[in-house]
Amino acid sequence: MFFDDNSDFAYCKQWWTPCVAATLSFYLNLTPALSAGGLDSKAKVEDAVKTIEALMNAVIPTIAPQLHDLRQHTKLSK
């Protein structure tokens, strides 16, 4: 993902802030994958990713208005 115009870092940061704020609240769900040896276990990593994905899918409809600017100013890299 990249910004369509990254000439003003303050704007880019402003667009990402709601997304990062929502995501950070789920960091504890990554603990099993990040604990000692966790990244060595594909199953632990997949479980953690699935958990975060499910939580984000539940939250995104609620924070969609705050993500409008981020969606308008970013593009997926190919």
N, C-alpha and C. Protein backbone atom coordinates (compact mmCIF):
# COMPACT_ATOMS: atom_id res chain seq x y z
N MET A 1 0.85 -1.16 0.00
CA MET A 1 0.00 0.00 0.00
C MET A 1 0.90 1.23 0.00
N PHE A 2 0.53 2.23 -0.76
CA PHE A 2 1.30 3.45 -0.77
C PHE A 2 0.36 4.64 -0.95
N PHE A 3 0.86 5.82 -0.55
CA PHE A 3 0.07 7.03 -0.65
C PHE A 3 0.14 7.59 -2.06
N ASP A 4 -0.96 8.15 -2.53
CA ASP A 4 -0.96 8.77 -3.84
C ASP A 4 -0.12 10.05 -3.84
N ASP A 5 0.02 10.69 -2.69
CA ASP A 5 0.84 11.89 -2.56
C ASP A 5 1.48 11.86 -1.18
N ASN A 6 2.75 11.57 -1.12
CA ASN A 6 3.43 11.50 0.16
C ASN A 6 4.33 12.70 0.41
N SER A 7 4.04 13.82 -0.24
CA SER A 7 4.86 15.02 -0.09
C SER A 7 4.68 15.69 1.26
N ASP A 8 3.60 15.42 1.95
CA ASP A 8 3.35 16.02 3.26
C ASP A 8 3.15 14.90 4.29
N PHE A 9 4.22 14.63 5.04
CA PHE A 9 4.19 13.53 6.01
C PHE A 9 3.10 13.72 7.05
N ALA A 10 2.83 14.95 7.45
CA ALA A 10 1.81 15.21 8.47
C ALA A 10 0.44 14.72 8.00
N TYR A 11 0.10 14.95 6.74
CA TYR A 11 -1.17 14.46 6.20
C TYR A 11 -1.20 12.93 6.17
N CYS A 12 -0.12 12.33 5.71
CA CYS A 12 -0.05 10.86 5.66
C CYS A 12 -0.26 10.27 7.05
N LYS A 13 0.41 10.85 8.03
CA LYS A 13 0.29 10.39 9.41
C LYS A 13 -1.15 10.55 9.90
N GLN A 14 -1.77 11.66 9.56
CA GLN A 14 -3.16 11.92 9.96
C GLN A 14 -4.10 10.87 9.38
N TRP A 15 -3.87 10.48 8.12
CA TRP A 15 -4.73 9.49 7.47
C TRP A 15 -4.58 8.11 8.10
N TRP A 16 -3.37 7.75 8.55
CA TRP A 16 -3.12 6.43 9.13
C TRP A 16 -3.52 6.33 10.59
N THR A 17 -3.56 7.43 11.31
CA THR A 17 -3.78 7.40 12.76
C THR A 17 -5.00 6.59 13.19
N PRO A 18 -6.19 6.75 12.61
CA PRO A 18 -7.34 5.95 13.05
C PRO A 18 -7.13 4.45 12.84
N CYS A 19 -6.52 4.08 11.75
CA CYS A 19 -6.28 2.66 11.47
C CYS A 19 -5.30 2.08 12.47
N VAL A 20 -4.22 2.79 12.72
CA VAL A 20 -3.22 2.31 13.68
C VAL A 20 -3.81 2.25 15.08
N ALA A 21 -4.57 3.26 15.45
CA ALA A 21 -5.17 3.29 16.79
C ALA A 21 -6.10 2.09 17.00
N ALA A 22 -6.90 1.76 16.00
CA ALA A 22 -7.80 0.61 16.12
C ALA A 22 -7.03 -0.70 16.17
N THR A 23 -5.99 -0.80 15.39
CA THR A 23 -5.21 -2.04 15.31
C THR A 23 -4.39 -2.29 16.56
N LEU A 24 -3.82 -1.24 17.13
CA LEU A 24 -2.96 -1.41 18.31
C LEU A 24 -3.69 -2.03 19.49
N SER A 25 -4.99 -1.80 19.56
CA SER A 25 -5.73 -2.35 20.69
C SER A 25 -5.81 -3.88 20.67
N PHE A 26 -5.42 -4.49 19.55
CA PHE A 26 -5.47 -5.95 19.43
C PHE A 26 -4.10 -6.61 19.56
N TYR A 27 -3.09 -5.85 19.95
CA TYR A 27 -1.72 -6.38 19.97
C TYR A 27 -1.55 -7.62 20.84
N LEU A 28 -2.28 -7.74 21.90
CA LEU A 28 -2.13 -8.92 22.77
C LEU A 28 -2.45 -10.21 22.04
N ASN A 29 -3.28 -10.14 21.03
CA ASN A 29 -3.61 -11.33 20.25
C ASN A 29 -2.44 -11.83 19.42
N LEU A 30 -1.42 -10.99 19.26
CA LEU A 30 -0.23 -11.39 18.52
C LEU A 30 0.82 -12.06 19.41
N THR A 31 0.63 -11.99 20.71
CA THR A 31 1.61 -12.52 21.66
C THR A 31 2.01 -13.97 21.37
N PRO A 32 1.09 -14.89 21.13
CA PRO A 32 1.52 -16.27 20.87
C PRO A 32 2.45 -16.39 19.66
N ALA A 33 2.20 -15.58 18.65
CA ALA A 33 3.04 -15.66 17.45
C ALA A 33 4.39 -14.98 17.66
N LEU A 34 4.44 -14.02 18.58
CA LEU A 34 5.67 -13.26 18.79
C LEU A 34 6.47 -13.73 19.99
N SER A 35 5.93 -14.63 20.78
CA SER A 35 6.66 -15.13 21.94
C SER A 35 7.80 -16.04 21.49
N ALA A 36 8.61 -16.45 22.40
CA ALA A 36 9.79 -17.27 22.09
C ALA A 36 9.41 -18.46 21.22
N GLY A 37 9.96 -18.51 20.03
CA GLY A 37 9.70 -19.61 19.12
C GLY A 37 8.38 -19.53 18.38
N GLY A 38 7.59 -18.51 18.64
CA GLY A 38 6.28 -18.40 18.01
C GLY A 38 6.34 -18.28 16.51
N LEU A 39 7.29 -17.49 16.02
CA LEU A 39 7.41 -17.32 14.57
C LEU A 39 7.91 -18.58 13.89
N ASP A 40 8.46 -19.49 14.67
CA ASP A 40 8.88 -20.79 14.12
C ASP A 40 7.69 -21.72 13.89
N SER A 41 6.57 -21.37 14.49
CA SER A 41 5.37 -22.20 14.37
C SER A 41 4.39 -21.57 13.40
N LYS A 42 4.28 -22.16 12.24
CA LYS A 42 3.35 -21.65 11.23
C LYS A 42 1.92 -21.62 11.78
N ALA A 43 1.56 -22.62 12.55
CA ALA A 43 0.20 -22.70 13.09
C ALA A 43 -0.08 -21.53 14.04
N LYS A 44 0.89 -21.19 14.91
CA LYS A 44 0.70 -20.06 15.84
C LYS A 44 0.53 -18.75 15.07
N VAL A 45 1.35 -18.57 14.05
CA VAL A 45 1.27 -17.35 13.25
C VAL A 45 -0.07 -17.29 12.53
N GLU A 46 -0.49 -18.37 11.90
CA GLU A 46 -1.76 -18.39 11.18
C GLU A 46 -2.93 -18.13 12.12
N ASP A 47 -2.89 -18.71 13.32
CA ASP A 47 -3.96 -18.48 14.30
C ASP A 47 -4.01 -17.01 14.71
N ALA A 48 -2.85 -16.42 14.96
CA ALA A 48 -2.80 -15.01 15.36
C ALA A 48 -3.32 -14.12 14.23
N VAL A 49 -2.93 -14.39 13.00
CA VAL A 49 -3.39 -13.60 11.86
C VAL A 49 -4.90 -13.73 11.70
N LYS A 50 -5.42 -14.93 11.83
CA LYS A 50 -6.87 -15.14 11.71
C LYS A 50 -7.62 -14.38 12.80
N THR A 51 -7.09 -14.39 14.01
CA THR A 51 -7.74 -13.68 15.11
C THR A 51 -7.77 -12.19 14.85
N ILE A 52 -6.63 -11.62 14.46
CA ILE A 52 -6.57 -10.18 14.17
C ILE A 52 -7.48 -9.84 13.00
N GLU A 53 -7.48 -10.67 11.98
CA GLU A 53 -8.33 -10.43 10.82
C GLU A 53 -9.81 -10.41 11.22
N ALA A 54 -10.21 -11.36 12.05
CA ALA A 54 -11.61 -11.41 12.50
C ALA A 54 -11.97 -10.18 13.33
N LEU A 55 -11.07 -9.78 14.20
CA LEU A 55 -11.33 -8.60 15.02
C LEU A 55 -11.41 -7.34 14.16
N MET A 56 -10.51 -7.20 13.21
CA MET A 56 -10.53 -6.03 12.33
C MET A 56 -11.78 -6.02 11.47
N ASN A 57 -12.20 -7.18 10.98
CA ASN A 57 -13.43 -7.24 10.19
C ASN A 57 -14.64 -6.83 11.02
N ALA A 58 -14.60 -7.09 12.31
CA ALA A 58 -15.69 -6.68 13.19
C ALA A 58 -15.67 -5.17 13.45
N VAL A 59 -14.48 -4.59 13.48
CA VAL A 59 -14.33 -3.18 13.84
C VAL A 59 -14.44 -2.24 12.64
N ILE A 60 -13.99 -2.68 11.49
CA ILE A 60 -13.94 -1.81 10.32
C ILE A 60 -15.27 -1.12 10.00
N PRO A 61 -16.41 -1.82 10.05
CA PRO A 61 -17.66 -1.11 9.76
C PRO A 61 -17.91 0.07 10.72
N THR A 62 -17.47 -0.08 11.95
CA THR A 62 -17.68 0.97 12.93
C THR A 62 -16.77 2.17 12.69
N ILE A 63 -15.53 1.91 12.27
CA ILE A 63 -14.59 3.00 12.06
C ILE A 63 -14.47 3.42 10.59
N ALA A 64 -15.33 2.89 9.75
CA ALA A 64 -15.27 3.20 8.31
C ALA A 64 -15.23 4.70 8.01
N PRO A 65 -16.04 5.51 8.69
CA PRO A 65 -15.96 6.94 8.39
C PRO A 65 -14.57 7.54 8.66
N GLN A 66 -13.90 7.06 9.71
CA GLN A 66 -12.57 7.57 10.03
C GLN A 66 -11.52 7.09 9.03
N LEU A 67 -11.81 6.00 8.32
CA LEU A 67 -10.87 5.44 7.35
C LEU A 67 -11.07 6.00 5.95
N HIS A 68 -12.06 6.85 5.78
CA HIS A 68 -12.37 7.40 4.46
C HIS A 68 -11.15 8.07 3.83
N ASP A 69 -10.48 8.96 4.55
CA ASP A 69 -9.32 9.66 4.00
C ASP A 69 -8.20 8.69 3.65
N LEU A 70 -7.97 7.70 4.51
CA LEU A 70 -6.93 6.72 4.23
C LEU A 70 -7.23 5.99 2.92
N ARG A 71 -8.46 5.58 2.75
CA ARG A 71 -8.85 4.87 1.52
C ARG A 71 -8.74 5.77 0.29
N GLN A 72 -9.04 7.05 0.46
CA GLN A 72 -8.99 7.98 -0.66
C GLN A 72 -7.56 8.27 -1.10
N HIS A 73 -6.62 8.17 -0.18
CA HIS A 73 -5.24 8.60 -0.48
C HIS A 73 -4.23 7.47 -0.53
N THR A 74 -4.69 6.24 -0.54
CA THR A 74 -3.76 5.12 -0.64
C THR A 74 -4.16 4.22 -1.79
N LYS A 75 -3.18 3.50 -2.27
CA LYS A 75 -3.40 2.53 -3.34
C LYS A 75 -2.63 1.27 -2.96
N LEU A 76 -3.16 0.14 -3.33
CA LEU A 76 -2.45 -1.12 -3.09
C LEU A 76 -1.32 -1.25 -4.09
N SER A 77 -0.16 -1.64 -3.60
CA SER A 77 0.95 -1.86 -4.51
C SER A 77 0.74 -3.18 -5.22
N LYS A 78 1.26 -3.29 -6.42
CA LYS A 78 1.07 -4.51 -7.21
C LYS A 78 2.24 -5.43 -7.06
